[in-house]
PDB file of N, CA and C in Angstrom:
ATOM      1  N   MET A   1       1.118  -1.414   0.042  1.00  0.00           N
ATOM      2  CA  MET A   1      -0.265  -0.057  -0.133  1.00  0.00           C
ATOM      3  C   MET A   1       1.064   1.371  -0.018  1.00  0.00           C
ATOM      4  N   SER A   2       0.614   2.371  -1.195  1.00  0.00           N
ATOM      5  CA  SER A   2       1.554   3.410  -0.708  1.00  0.00           C
ATOM      6  C   SER A   2       1.141   4.391   0.307  1.00  0.00           C
ATOM      7  N   GLN A   3       1.881   5.212   0.571  1.00  0.00           N
ATOM      8  CA  GLN A   3       2.046   6.160   1.790  1.00  0.00           C
ATOM      9  C   GLN A   3       1.475   7.364   1.348  1.00  0.00           C
ATOM     10  N   ILE A   4       0.630   8.003   2.042  1.00  0.00           N
ATOM     11  CA  ILE A   4      -0.263   9.098   1.747  1.00  0.00           C
ATOM     12  C   ILE A   4       1.167  10.382   1.935  1.00  0.00           C
ATOM     13  N   THR A   5       1.354  10.961   1.199  1.00  0.00           N
ATOM     14  CA  THR A   5       2.547  11.783   1.775  1.00  0.00           C
ATOM     15  C   THR A   5       1.870  13.347   1.759  1.00  0.00           C
ATOM     16  N   ASP A   6       2.396  14.192   2.005  1.00  0.00           N
ATOM     17  CA  ASP A   6       2.092  15.541   1.830  1.00  0.00           C
ATOM     18  C   ASP A   6       1.973  16.245   1.039  1.00  0.00           C
ATOM     19  N   ASP A   7       2.674  15.723   0.403  1.00  0.00           N
ATOM     20  CA  ASP A   7       2.585  16.308  -1.290  1.00  0.00           C
ATOM     21  C   ASP A   7       1.388  15.886  -1.922  1.00  0.00           C
ATOM     22  N   TYR A   8       1.220  14.672  -1.858  1.00  0.00           N
ATOM     23  CA  TYR A   8      -0.274  14.040  -2.913  1.00  0.00           C
ATOM     24  C   TYR A   8      -1.198  14.623  -1.743  1.00  0.00           C
ATOM     25  N   MET A   9      -1.161  14.829  -0.823  1.00  0.00           N
ATOM     26  CA  MET A   9      -2.312  15.968   0.133  1.00  0.00           C
ATOM     27  C   MET A   9      -2.520  17.395  -0.556  1.00  0.00           C
ATOM     28  N   GLN A  10      -1.337  17.809  -0.919  1.00  0.00           N
ATOM     29  CA  GLN A  10      -1.635  19.281  -0.975  1.00  0.00           C
ATOM     30  C   GLN A  10      -2.129  19.445  -2.436  1.00  0.00           C
ATOM     31  N   SER A  11      -1.718  18.709  -3.492  1.00  0.00           N
ATOM     32  CA  SER A  11      -2.326  18.366  -5.130  1.00  0.00           C
ATOM     33  C   SER A  11      -3.714  17.888  -5.058  1.00  0.00           C
ATOM     34  N   MET A  12      -3.989  17.275  -3.779  1.00  0.00           N
ATOM     35  CA  MET A  12      -5.749  16.881  -3.939  1.00  0.00           C
ATOM     36  C   MET A  12      -6.726  17.964  -3.560  1.00  0.00           C
ATOM     37  N   LEU A  13      -5.831  18.853  -2.458  1.00  0.00           N
ATOM     38  CA  LEU A  13      -6.412  19.608  -2.316  1.00  0.00           C
ATOM     39  C   LEU A  13      -6.813  20.707  -3.224  1.00  0.00           C
ATOM     40  N   LYS A  14      -5.947  20.939  -4.267  1.00  0.00           N
ATOM     41  CA  LYS A  14      -6.130  21.782  -5.291  1.00  0.00           C
ATOM     42  C   LYS A  14      -7.199  21.509  -5.756  1.00  0.00           C
ATOM     43  N   LEU A  15      -7.631  19.830  -6.357  1.00  0.00           N
ATOM     44  CA  LEU A  15      -8.910  19.688  -6.830  1.00  0.00           C
ATOM     45  C   LEU A  15     -10.283  19.768  -6.355  1.00  0.00           C
ATOM     46  N   LEU A  16     -10.610  20.554  -4.809  1.00  0.00           N
ATOM     47  CA  LEU A  16     -11.800  20.279  -3.924  1.00  0.00           C
ATOM     48  C   LEU A  16     -12.767  21.384  -5.381  1.00  0.00           C
ATOM     49  N   LYS A  17     -13.880  20.885  -5.485  1.00  0.00           N
ATOM     50  CA  LYS A  17     -14.715  21.893  -5.971  1.00  0.00           C
ATOM     51  C   LYS A  17     -15.925  21.916  -5.108  1.00  0.00           C
ATOM     52  N   PRO A  18     -16.569  22.957  -5.225  1.00  0.00           N
ATOM     53  CA  PRO A  18     -17.605  23.515  -4.149  1.00  0.00           C
ATOM     54  C   PRO A  18     -19.160  22.797  -4.654  1.00  0.00           C
ATOM     55  N   TYR A  19     -19.568  21.984  -3.939  1.00  0.00           N
ATOM     56  CA  TYR A  19     -21.087  21.532  -3.760  1.00  0.00           C
ATOM     57  C   TYR A  19     -21.756  21.886  -2.624  1.00  0.00           C
ATOM     58  N   THR A  20     -23.049  22.175  -2.968  1.00  0.00           N
ATOM     59  CA  THR A  20     -24.416  22.561  -2.069  1.00  0.00           C
ATOM     60  C   THR A  20     -24.997  21.117  -1.192  1.00  0.00           C
ATOM     61  N   VAL A  21     -24.861  20.626  -0.024  1.00  0.00           N
ATOM     62  CA  VAL A  21     -25.656  19.574   0.707  1.00  0.00           C
ATOM     63  C   VAL A  21     -26.901  20.524   1.308  1.00  0.00           C
ATOM     64  N   VAL A  22     -27.847  19.413   0.884  1.00  0.00           N
ATOM     65  CA  VAL A  22     -28.896  19.893   1.610  1.00  0.00           C
ATOM     66  C   VAL A  22     -29.784  18.769   2.585  1.00  0.00           C
ATOM     67  N   LEU A  23     -30.064  19.207   3.730  1.00  0.00           N
ATOM     68  CA  LEU A  23     -30.910  18.744   4.425  1.00  0.00           C
ATOM     69  C   LEU A  23     -32.056  18.643   4.745  1.00  0.00           C
ATOM     70  N   LEU A  24     -32.614  17.654   4.224  1.00  0.00           N
ATOM     71  CA  LEU A  24     -34.196  17.487   4.269  1.00  0.00           C
ATOM     72  C   LEU A  24     -35.187  17.250   5.687  1.00  0.00           C
ATOM     73  N   ARG A  25     -35.766  17.909   5.793  1.00  0.00           N
ATOM     74  CA  ARG A  25     -36.812  17.595   7.522  1.00  0.00           C
ATOM     75  C   ARG A  25     -38.176  17.781   6.962  1.00  0.00           C
ATOM     76  N   ALA A  26     -38.694  16.775   7.840  1.00  0.00           N
ATOM     77  CA  ALA A  26     -39.924  16.486   8.116  1.00  0.00           C
ATOM     78  C   ALA A  26     -40.824  17.228   9.246  1.00  0.00           C
ATOM     79  N   THR A  27     -41.702  17.844   8.537  1.00  0.00           N
ATOM     80  CA  THR A  27     -43.190  18.459   9.637  1.00  0.00           C
ATOM     81  C   THR A  27     -43.931  17.651   9.517  1.00  0.00           C
ATOM     82  N   PRO A  28     -45.041  18.422  10.572  1.00  0.00           N
ATOM     83  CA  PRO A  28     -46.327  17.561  10.851  1.00  0.00           C
ATOM     84  C   PRO A  28     -47.239  17.203   9.884  1.00  0.00           C
ATOM     85  N   LYS A  29     -47.206  17.893   8.826  1.00  0.00           N
ATOM     86  CA  LYS A  29     -47.760  17.683   7.408  1.00  0.00           C
ATOM     87  C   LYS A  29     -47.467  16.566   6.811  1.00  0.00           C
ATOM     88  N   ARG A  30     -46.092  16.231   6.731  1.00  0.00           N
ATOM     89  CA  ARG A  30     -45.578  14.932   6.225  1.00  0.00           C
ATOM     90  C   ARG A  30     -46.624  13.635   6.190  1.00  0.00           C
ATOM     91  N   LYS A  31     -47.306  13.797   7.553  1.00  0.00           N
ATOM     92  CA  LYS A  31     -48.095  12.649   8.303  1.00  0.00           C
ATOM     93  C   LYS A  31     -49.465  13.243   7.595  1.00  0.00           C
ATOM     94  N   GLU A  32     -50.447  14.301   6.713  1.00  0.00           N
ATOM     95  CA  GLU A  32     -51.332  14.542   6.424  1.00  0.00           C
ATOM     96  C   GLU A  32     -51.856  13.160   4.887  1.00  0.00           C
ATOM     97  N   PRO A  33     -53.479  13.652   4.945  1.00  0.00           N
ATOM     98  CA  PRO A  33     -53.600  12.645   3.932  1.00  0.00           C
ATOM     99  C   PRO A  33     -52.927  13.812   2.474  1.00  0.00           C
ATOM    100  N   GLY A  34     -52.507  12.940   1.665  1.00  0.00           N
ATOM    101  CA  GLY A  34     -52.700  13.654   0.256  1.00  0.00           C
ATOM    102  C   GLY A  34     -50.928  14.012   0.002  1.00  0.00           C
ATOM    103  N   ALA A  35     -50.119  13.765   1.479  1.00  0.00           N
ATOM    104  CA  ALA A  35     -48.459  14.135   1.674  1.00  0.00           C
ATOM    105  C   ALA A  35     -47.950  12.895   0.446  1.00  0.00           C
ATOM    106  N   ASP A  36     -48.224  12.022   0.701  1.00  0.00           N
ATOM    107  CA  ASP A  36     -47.817  10.798  -0.068  1.00  0.00           C
ATOM    108  C   ASP A  36     -47.529  11.070  -1.879  1.00  0.00           C
ATOM    109  N   GLN A  37     -48.633  11.388  -1.951  1.00  0.00           N
ATOM    110  CA  GLN A  37     -48.371  11.874  -3.462  1.00  0.00           C
ATOM    111  C   GLN A  37     -47.990  13.218  -4.096  1.00  0.00           C
ATOM    112  N   ILE A  38     -47.707  14.011  -3.027  1.00  0.00           N
ATOM    113  CA  ILE A  38     -46.779  15.417  -3.587  1.00  0.00           C
ATOM    114  C   ILE A  38     -45.409  14.796  -3.239  1.00  0.00           C
ATOM    115  N   VAL A  39     -44.849  13.838  -2.380  1.00  0.00           N
ATOM    116  CA  VAL A  39     -43.519  13.502  -1.669  1.00  0.00           C
ATOM    117  C   VAL A  39     -43.410  12.672  -3.406  1.00  0.00           C
ATOM    118  N   TRP A  40     -44.127  11.753  -3.814  1.00  0.00           N
ATOM    119  CA  TRP A  40     -43.634  10.936  -4.978  1.00  0.00           C
ATOM    120  C   TRP A  40     -43.367  12.099  -6.312  1.00  0.00           C
ATOM    121  N   GLU A  41     -44.443  13.637  -6.501  1.00  0.00           N
ATOM    122  CA  GLU A  41     -43.591  14.210  -7.200  1.00  0.00           C
ATOM    123  C   GLU A  41     -42.538  15.078  -7.175  1.00  0.00           C
ATOM    124  N   HIS A  42     -41.743  14.739  -5.409  1.00  0.00           N
ATOM    125  CA  HIS A  42     -40.841  15.625  -5.293  1.00  0.00           C
ATOM    126  C   HIS A  42     -39.658  14.332  -5.374  1.00  0.00           C
ATOM    127  N   GLY A  43     -40.016  13.063  -5.585  1.00  0.00           N
ATOM    128  CA  GLY A  43     -39.143  12.444  -6.280  1.00  0.00           C
ATOM    129  C   GLY A  43     -38.802  12.455  -7.409  1.00  0.00           C
ATOM    130  N   ARG A  44     -39.774  12.963  -8.296  1.00  0.00           N
ATOM    131  CA  ARG A  44     -39.795  12.734  -9.837  1.00  0.00           C
ATOM    132  C   ARG A  44     -39.088  13.948 -10.017  1.00  0.00           C
ATOM    133  N   ARG A  45     -38.997  14.505  -9.379  1.00  0.00           N
ATOM    134  CA  ARG A  45     -38.185  16.060  -9.678  1.00  0.00           C
ATOM    135  C   ARG A  45     -36.921  16.079  -9.485  1.00  0.00           C
ATOM    136  N   LEU A  46     -36.527  15.012  -8.415  1.00  0.00           N
ATOM    137  CA  LEU A  46     -35.219  14.749  -7.668  1.00  0.00           C
ATOM    138  C   LEU A  46     -34.342  14.222  -8.796  1.00  0.00           C
ATOM    139  N   PHE A  47     -35.391  13.192  -9.617  1.00  0.00           N
ATOM    140  CA  PHE A  47     -34.442  12.221 -10.925  1.00  0.00           C
ATOM    141  C   PHE A  47     -34.371  13.119 -12.280  1.00  0.00           C
ATOM    142  N   GLU A  48     -35.191  14.549 -12.346  1.00  0.00           N
ATOM    143  CA  GLU A  48     -35.249  15.566 -13.493  1.00  0.00           C
ATOM    144  C   GLU A  48     -34.169  15.936 -13.230  1.00  0.00           C
ATOM    145  N   LEU A  49     -33.488  16.474 -11.762  1.00  0.00           N
ATOM    146  CA  LEU A  49     -32.399  17.171 -10.989  1.00  0.00           C
ATOM    147  C   LEU A  49     -30.871  16.191 -11.636  1.00  0.00           C
ATOM    148  N   ARG A  50     -31.202  15.079 -11.328  1.00  0.00           N
ATOM    149  CA  ARG A  50     -30.377  14.369 -11.288  1.00  0.00           C
ATOM    150  C   ARG A  50     -29.939  13.882 -12.847  1.00  0.00           C
ATOM    151  N   ARG A  51     -31.032  13.634 -13.476  1.00  0.00           N
ATOM    152  CA  ARG A  51     -30.866  13.895 -15.368  1.00  0.00           C
ATOM    153  C   ARG A  51     -30.067  14.823 -15.369  1.00  0.00           C
ATOM    154  N   ASP A  52     -30.718  16.254 -15.123  1.00  0.00           N
ATOM    155  CA  ASP A  52     -30.014  17.611 -15.743  1.00  0.00           C
ATOM    156  C   ASP A  52     -28.734  17.815 -15.129  1.00  0.00           C
ATOM    157  N   ARG A  53     -28.021  16.507 -14.122  1.00  0.00           N
ATOM    158  CA  ARG A  53     -26.570  16.588 -13.662  1.00  0.00           C
ATOM    159  C   ARG A  53     -26.620  18.403 -12.903  1.00  0.00           C
ATOM    160  N   LYS A  54     -27.663  18.438 -12.511  1.00  0.00           N
ATOM    161  CA  LYS A  54     -27.809  19.297 -10.982  1.00  0.00           C
ATOM    162  C   LYS A  54     -27.457  19.034  -9.231  1.00  0.00           C
ATOM    163  N   LEU A  55     -27.938  17.498  -9.667  1.00  0.00           N
ATOM    164  CA  LEU A  55     -28.248  17.332  -8.020  1.00  0.00           C
ATOM    165  C   LEU A  55     -26.894  15.712  -8.519  1.00  0.00           C
ATOM    166  N   CYS A  56     -26.266  15.224  -7.520  1.00  0.00           N
ATOM    167  CA  CYS A  56     -25.197  14.249  -7.869  1.00  0.00           C
ATOM    168  C   CYS A  56     -25.359  12.890  -6.858  1.00  0.00           C
ATOM    169  N   ILE A  57     -25.805  13.509  -5.643  1.00  0.00           N
ATOM    170  CA  ILE A  57     -26.644  12.588  -4.920  1.00  0.00           C
ATOM    171  C   ILE A  57     -27.787  12.998  -4.268  1.00  0.00           C
ATOM    172  N   VAL A  58     -28.046  11.914  -3.811  1.00  0.00           N
ATOM    173  CA  VAL A  58     -29.402  11.659  -3.168  1.00  0.00           C
ATOM    174  C   VAL A  58     -29.695  10.719  -2.355  1.00  0.00           C
ATOM    175  N   CYS A  59     -30.177  10.816  -0.598  1.00  0.00           N
ATOM    176  CA  CYS A  59     -29.883   9.721   0.330  1.00  0.00           C
ATOM    177  C   CYS A  59     -31.217  10.203   1.175  1.00  0.00           C
ATOM    178  N   PRO A  60     -32.268   9.850   1.077  1.00  0.00           N
ATOM    179  CA  PRO A  60     -33.678   9.556   1.722  1.00  0.00           C
ATOM    180  C   PRO A  60     -33.082   8.524   2.958  1.00  0.00           C
ATOM    181  N   THR A  61     -33.730   9.136   3.991  1.00  0.00           N
ATOM    182  CA  THR A  61     -33.882   8.256   4.978  1.00  0.00           C
ATOM    183  C   THR A  61     -35.082   7.142   5.366  1.00  0.00           C
ATOM    184  N   PHE A  62     -34.770   6.246   6.241  1.00  0.00           N
ATOM    185  CA  PHE A  62     -35.736   5.492   6.282  1.00  0.00           C
ATOM    186  C   PHE A  62     -37.308   6.318   7.289  1.00  0.00           C
ATOM    187  N   THR A  63     -38.243   5.769   6.830  1.00  0.00           N
ATOM    188  CA  THR A  63     -39.337   6.586   7.845  1.00  0.00           C
ATOM    189  C   THR A  63     -39.163   5.886   9.346  1.00  0.00           C
ATOM    190  N   SER A  64     -38.471   5.363   9.994  1.00  0.00           N
ATOM    191  CA  SER A  64     -38.459   4.715  11.108  1.00  0.00           C
ATOM    192  C   SER A  64     -36.993   5.335  11.835  1.00  0.00           C
ATOM    193  N   ASN A  65     -36.837   5.929  11.016  1.00  0.00           N
ATOM    194  CA  ASN A  65     -35.884   7.686  11.388  1.00  0.00           C
ATOM    195  C   ASN A  65     -36.058   8.245  11.976  1.00  0.00           C
ATOM    196  N   THR A  66     -35.551   8.230  13.697  1.00  0.00           N
ATOM    197  CA  THR A  66     -36.261   9.271  14.702  1.00  0.00           C
ATOM    198  C   THR A  66     -35.026  10.424  14.737  1.00  0.00           C
ATOM    199  N   SER A  67     -34.185  10.863  13.793  1.00  0.00           N
ATOM    200  CA  SER A  67     -33.594  12.135  13.862  1.00  0.00           C
ATOM    201  C   SER A  67     -34.493  13.410  13.295  1.00  0.00           C
ATOM    202  N   GLY A  68     -35.109  13.054  12.410  1.00  0.00           N
ATOM    203  CA  GLY A  68     -36.186  14.301  12.020  1.00  0.00           C
ATOM    204  C   GLY A  68     -35.705  14.528  10.519  1.00  0.00           C
ATOM    205  N   VAL A  69     -34.645  14.183  10.269  1.00  0.00           N
ATOM    206  CA  VAL A  69     -33.972  13.957   8.679  1.00  0.00           C
ATOM    207  C   VAL A  69     -34.805  12.701   7.729  1.00  0.00           C
ATOM    208  N   SER A  70     -35.211  13.718   6.930  1.00  0.00           N
ATOM    209  CA  SER A  70     -35.912  12.827   5.861  1.00  0.00           C
ATOM    210  C   SER A  70     -34.821  12.489   4.739  1.00  0.00           C
ATOM    211  N   GLY A  71     -33.736  13.151   4.517  1.00  0.00           N
ATOM    212  CA  GLY A  71     -33.123  12.824   3.174  1.00  0.00           C
ATOM    213  C   GLY A  71     -31.706  14.281   2.803  1.00  0.00           C
ATOM    214  N   LEU A  72     -30.769  13.650   2.277  1.00  0.00           N
ATOM    215  CA  LEU A  72     -29.808  14.354   2.329  1.00  0.00           C
ATOM    216  C   LEU A  72     -29.116  14.413   0.763  1.00  0.00           C
ATOM    217  N   MET A  73     -28.953  15.478   0.147  1.00  0.00           N
ATOM    218  CA  MET A  73     -28.752  15.917  -0.959  1.00  0.00           C
ATOM    219  C   MET A  73     -28.011  16.448  -1.687  1.00  0.00           C
ATOM    220  N   ILE A  74     -26.789  16.315  -2.408  1.00  0.00           N
ATOM    221  CA  ILE A  74     -25.692  16.974  -2.772  1.00  0.00           C
ATOM    222  C   ILE A  74     -25.812  17.337  -4.283  1.00  0.00           C
ATOM    223  N   PHE A  75     -25.657  18.884  -4.163  1.00  0.00           N
ATOM    224  CA  PHE A  75     -26.220  19.550  -5.412  1.00  0.00           C
ATOM    225  C   PHE A  75     -24.710  19.801  -5.746  1.00  0.00           C
ATOM    226  N   ARG A  76     -24.441  20.166  -7.753  1.00  0.00           N
ATOM    227  CA  ARG A  76     -23.575  20.533  -8.397  1.00  0.00           C
ATOM    228  C   ARG A  76     -23.981  22.308  -8.268  1.00  0.00           C
ATOM    229  N   THR A  77     -24.761  22.643  -7.655  1.00  0.00           N
ATOM    230  CA  THR A  77     -25.604  24.106  -7.872  1.00  0.00           C
ATOM    231  C   THR A  77     -24.846  24.786  -6.527  1.00  0.00           C
ATOM    232  N   ASP A  78     -24.493  25.766  -7.230  1.00  0.00           N
ATOM    233  CA  ASP A  78     -24.038  26.831  -6.222  1.00  0.00           C
ATOM    234  C   ASP A  78     -25.558  27.026  -4.651  1.00  0.00           C
ATOM    235  N   THR A  79     -24.695  27.902  -3.925  1.00  0.00           N
ATOM    236  CA  THR A  79     -26.389  27.851  -3.143  1.00  0.00           C
ATOM    237  C   THR A  79     -27.407  28.680  -3.381  1.00  0.00           C
ATOM    238  N   GLU A  80     -27.018  30.231  -3.878  1.00  0.00           N
ATOM    239  CA  GLU A  80     -28.243  30.846  -4.765  1.00  0.00           C
ATOM    240  C   GLU A  80     -29.325  29.767  -5.387  1.00  0.00           C
ATOM    241  N   GLU A  81     -28.650  29.014  -6.168  1.00  0.00           N
ATOM    242  CA  GLU A  81     -29.604  28.501  -7.053  1.00  0.00           C
ATOM    243  C   GLU A  81     -30.105  27.042  -6.393  1.00  0.00           C
ATOM    244  N   THR A  82     -29.615  26.474  -5.777  1.00  0.00           N
ATOM    245  CA  THR A  82     -29.816  25.371  -4.562  1.00  0.00           C
ATOM    246  C   THR A  82     -31.094  25.866  -4.432  1.00  0.00           C
ATOM    247  N   ARG A  83     -30.661  27.164  -3.581  1.00  0.00           N
ATOM    248  CA  ARG A  83     -32.217  27.664  -2.365  1.00  0.00           C
ATOM    249  C   ARG A  83     -33.563  27.846  -3.765  1.00  0.00           C
ATOM    250  N   LYS A  84     -33.195  28.421  -5.206  1.00  0.00           N
ATOM    251  CA  LYS A  84     -33.876  28.347  -5.987  1.00  0.00           C
ATOM    252  C   LYS A  84     -34.852  27.397  -6.137  1.00  0.00           C
ATOM    253  N   ILE A  85     -34.062  26.259  -6.409  1.00  0.00           N
ATOM    254  CA  ILE A  85     -34.316  24.833  -6.280  1.00  0.00           C
ATOM    255  C   ILE A  85     -35.132  24.387  -5.965  1.00  0.00           C
ATOM    256  N   MET A  86     -35.023  24.716  -4.356  1.00  0.00           N
ATOM    257  CA  MET A  86     -35.463  23.993  -3.398  1.00  0.00           C
ATOM    258  C   MET A  86     -36.566  24.827  -2.596  1.00  0.00           C
ATOM    259  N   ASP A  87     -36.850  26.011  -2.676  1.00  0.00           N
ATOM    260  CA  ASP A  87     -37.935  26.542  -2.770  1.00  0.00           C
ATOM    261  C   ASP A  87     -39.119  26.562  -3.546  1.00  0.00           C
ATOM    262  N   ASP A  88     -38.797  26.063  -4.863  1.00  0.00           N
ATOM    263  CA  ASP A  88     -39.976  25.136  -5.788  1.00  0.00           C
ATOM    264  C   ASP A  88     -40.158  24.254  -6.065  1.00  0.00           C
ATOM    265  N   ASP A  89     -39.656  23.210  -5.340  1.00  0.00           N
ATOM    266  CA  ASP A  89     -39.843  21.678  -4.746  1.00  0.00           C
ATOM    267  C   ASP A  89     -41.427  22.049  -3.950  1.00  0.00           C
ATOM    268  N   PRO A  90     -42.051  20.844  -4.603  1.00  0.00           N
ATOM    269  CA  PRO A  90     -43.498  20.621  -4.258  1.00  0.00           C
ATOM    270  C   PRO A  90     -43.818  20.652  -2.659  1.00  0.00           C
ATOM    271  N   THR A  91     -42.731  20.012  -2.268  1.00  0.00           N
ATOM    272  CA  THR A  91     -42.732  19.405  -0.994  1.00  0.00           C
ATOM    273  C   THR A  91     -42.573  20.725  -0.348  1.00  0.00           C
ATOM    274  N   ILE A  92     -41.479  21.466  -0.215  1.00  0.00           N
ATOM    275  CA  ILE A  92     -41.214  22.367   0.861  1.00  0.00           C
ATOM    276  C   ILE A  92     -42.514  23.776   0.411  1.00  0.00           C
ATOM    277  N   ARG A  93     -43.038  23.738  -0.951  1.00  0.00           N
ATOM    278  CA  ARG A  93     -43.972  24.633  -0.690  1.00  0.00           C
ATOM    279  C   ARG A  93     -44.864  24.263  -0.057  1.00  0.00           C
ATOM    280  N   ALA A  94     -45.171  23.040   0.043  1.00  0.00           N
ATOM    281  CA  ALA A  94     -46.402  22.349   0.460  1.00  0.00           C
ATOM    282  C   ALA A  94     -46.209  22.139   2.000  1.00  0.00           C
ATOM    283  N   GLY A  95     -44.986  22.540   2.778  1.00  0.00           N
ATOM    284  CA  GLY A  95     -44.950  22.926   3.906  1.00  0.00           C
ATOM    285  C   GLY A  95     -44.437  21.525   4.628  1.00  0.00           C
ATOM    286  N   ILE A  96     -44.426  20.548   3.446  1.00  0.00           N
ATOM    287  CA  ILE A  96     -44.000  18.908   3.963  1.00  0.00           C
ATOM    288  C   ILE A  96     -42.774  18.932   4.805  1.00  0.00           C
ATOM    289  N   TYR A  97     -41.895  19.457   3.743  1.00  0.00           N
ATOM    290  CA  TYR A  97     -40.370  19.596   4.260  1.00  0.00           C
ATOM    291  C   TYR A  97     -39.388  20.941   4.432  1.00  0.00           C
ATOM    292  N   THR A  98     -39.046  21.253   5.602  1.00  0.00           N
ATOM    293  CA  THR A  98     -38.083  22.187   5.399  1.00  0.00           C
ATOM    294  C   THR A  98     -36.685  21.949   5.197  1.00  0.00           C
ATOM    295  N   TYR A  99     -35.465  22.621   4.993  1.00  0.00           N
ATOM    296  CA  TYR A  99     -34.192  22.207   4.202  1.00  0.00           C
ATOM    297  C   TYR A  99     -33.227  22.919   5.314  1.00  0.00           C
ATOM    298  N   ASP A 100     -31.827  23.017   5.325  1.00  0.00           N
ATOM    299  CA  ASP A 100     -30.994  23.529   5.510  1.00  0.00           C
ATOM    300  C   ASP A 100     -29.798  23.457   4.478  1.00  0.00           C
ATOM    301  N   LEU A 101     -28.849  24.460   3.998  1.00  0.00           N
ATOM    302  CA  LEU A 101     -28.047  24.463   3.361  1.00  0.00           C
ATOM    303  C   LEU A 101     -27.091  24.497   3.789  1.00  0.00           C
ATOM    304  N   PHE A 102     -25.840  23.353   2.876  1.00  0.00           N
ATOM    305  CA  PHE A 102     -24.131  23.928   3.357  1.00  0.00           C
ATOM    306  C   PHE A 102     -23.625  24.043   2.381  1.00  0.00           C
ATOM    307  N   LEU A 103     -22.271  25.135   2.253  1.00  0.00           N
ATOM    308  CA  LEU A 103     -21.591  24.966   1.139  1.00  0.00           C
ATOM    309  C   LEU A 103     -20.338  23.982   1.629  1.00  0.00           C
ATOM    310  N   VAL A 104     -20.353  23.113   0.889  1.00  0.00           N
ATOM    311  CA  VAL A 104     -18.661  22.359   1.213  1.00  0.00           C
ATOM    312  C   VAL A 104     -18.003  21.996   0.136  1.00  0.00           C
ATOM    313  N   GLU A 105     -16.847  21.656   0.251  1.00  0.00           N
ATOM    314  CA  GLU A 105     -16.518  20.797  -0.674  1.00  0.00           C
ATOM    315  C   GLU A 105     -15.809  19.465  -0.804  1.00  0.00           C
ATOM    316  N   GLY A 106     -15.645  19.239  -2.222  1.00  0.00           N
ATOM    317  CA  GLY A 106     -15.620  17.616  -2.727  1.00  0.00           C
ATOM    318  C   GLY A 106     -14.605  17.493  -3.725  1.00  0.00           C
ATOM    319  N   TYR A 107     -14.164  16.309  -3.645  1.00  0.00           N
ATOM    320  CA  TYR A 107     -13.321  15.424  -4.970  1.00  0.00           C
ATOM    321  C   TYR A 107     -14.182  15.156  -5.607  1.00  0.00           C
ATOM    322  N   PRO A 108     -14.071  15.950  -7.302  1.00  0.00           N
ATOM    323  CA  PRO A 108     -14.470  15.600  -8.586  1.00  0.00           C
ATOM    324  C   PRO A 108     -14.269  13.947  -8.664  1.00  0.00           C
ATOM    325  N   GLY A 109     -15.130  13.133  -8.820  1.00  0.00           N
ATOM    326  CA  GLY A 109     -15.264  11.696  -9.154  1.00  0.00           C
ATOM    327  C   GLY A 109     -15.497  11.032  -8.106  1.00  0.00           C
ATOM    328  N   ASP A 110     -15.448  11.299  -6.424  1.00  0.00           N
ATOM    329  CA  ASP A 110     -15.965  10.641  -5.440  1.00  0.00           C
ATOM    330  C   ASP A 110     -17.670  10.248  -5.813  1.00  0.00           C
ATOM    331  N   SER A 111     -18.082   9.018  -5.404  1.00  0.00           N
ATOM    332  CA  SER A 111     -19.140   8.734  -5.285  1.00  0.00           C
ATOM    333  C   SER A 111     -19.483   7.414  -4.263  1.00  0.00           C
ATOM    334  N   LEU A 112     -20.853   7.026  -4.364  1.00  0.00           N
ATOM    335  CA  LEU A 112     -21.302   6.042  -3.673  1.00  0.00           C
ATOM    336  C   LEU A 112     -20.731   4.721  -4.217  1.00  0.00           C
ATOM    337  N   ALA A 113     -20.340   3.608  -3.414  1.00  0.00           N
ATOM    338  CA  ALA A 113     -20.035   2.513  -3.828  1.00  0.00           C
ATOM    339  C   ALA A 113     -21.055   1.946  -4.204  1.00  0.00           C
ATOM    340  N   LYS A 114     -20.945   1.380  -5.466  1.00  0.00           N
ATOM    341  CA  LYS A 114     -21.614   0.209  -5.929  1.00  0.00           C
ATOM    342  C   LYS A 114     -21.782  -0.864  -5.269  1.00  0.00           C
TER     343      LYS A 114
END
């Protein structure tokens, strides 16, 4: 196994790119009648954003999750564009979810394991 040198680490740090992380949280409206259909359309929209290469990673949580977090998404877009995208999301407009944005950096090419 090769050693990770300081020079290697410095060269990798130059490759970091900005991403926006969205942390999605459910509100009590998530349990109201009709919410499932709106969440379904939210999912369709996420697939469109993935197709359009604005959204890199989508990680929904299980309904048994007690943290209050409903999902995590990593966008290629800056925080301003990501906020516009999220504010137009049907679940946000319906008050089913709220969200927090975080500007982060990541290495291009990183991905979830297959």
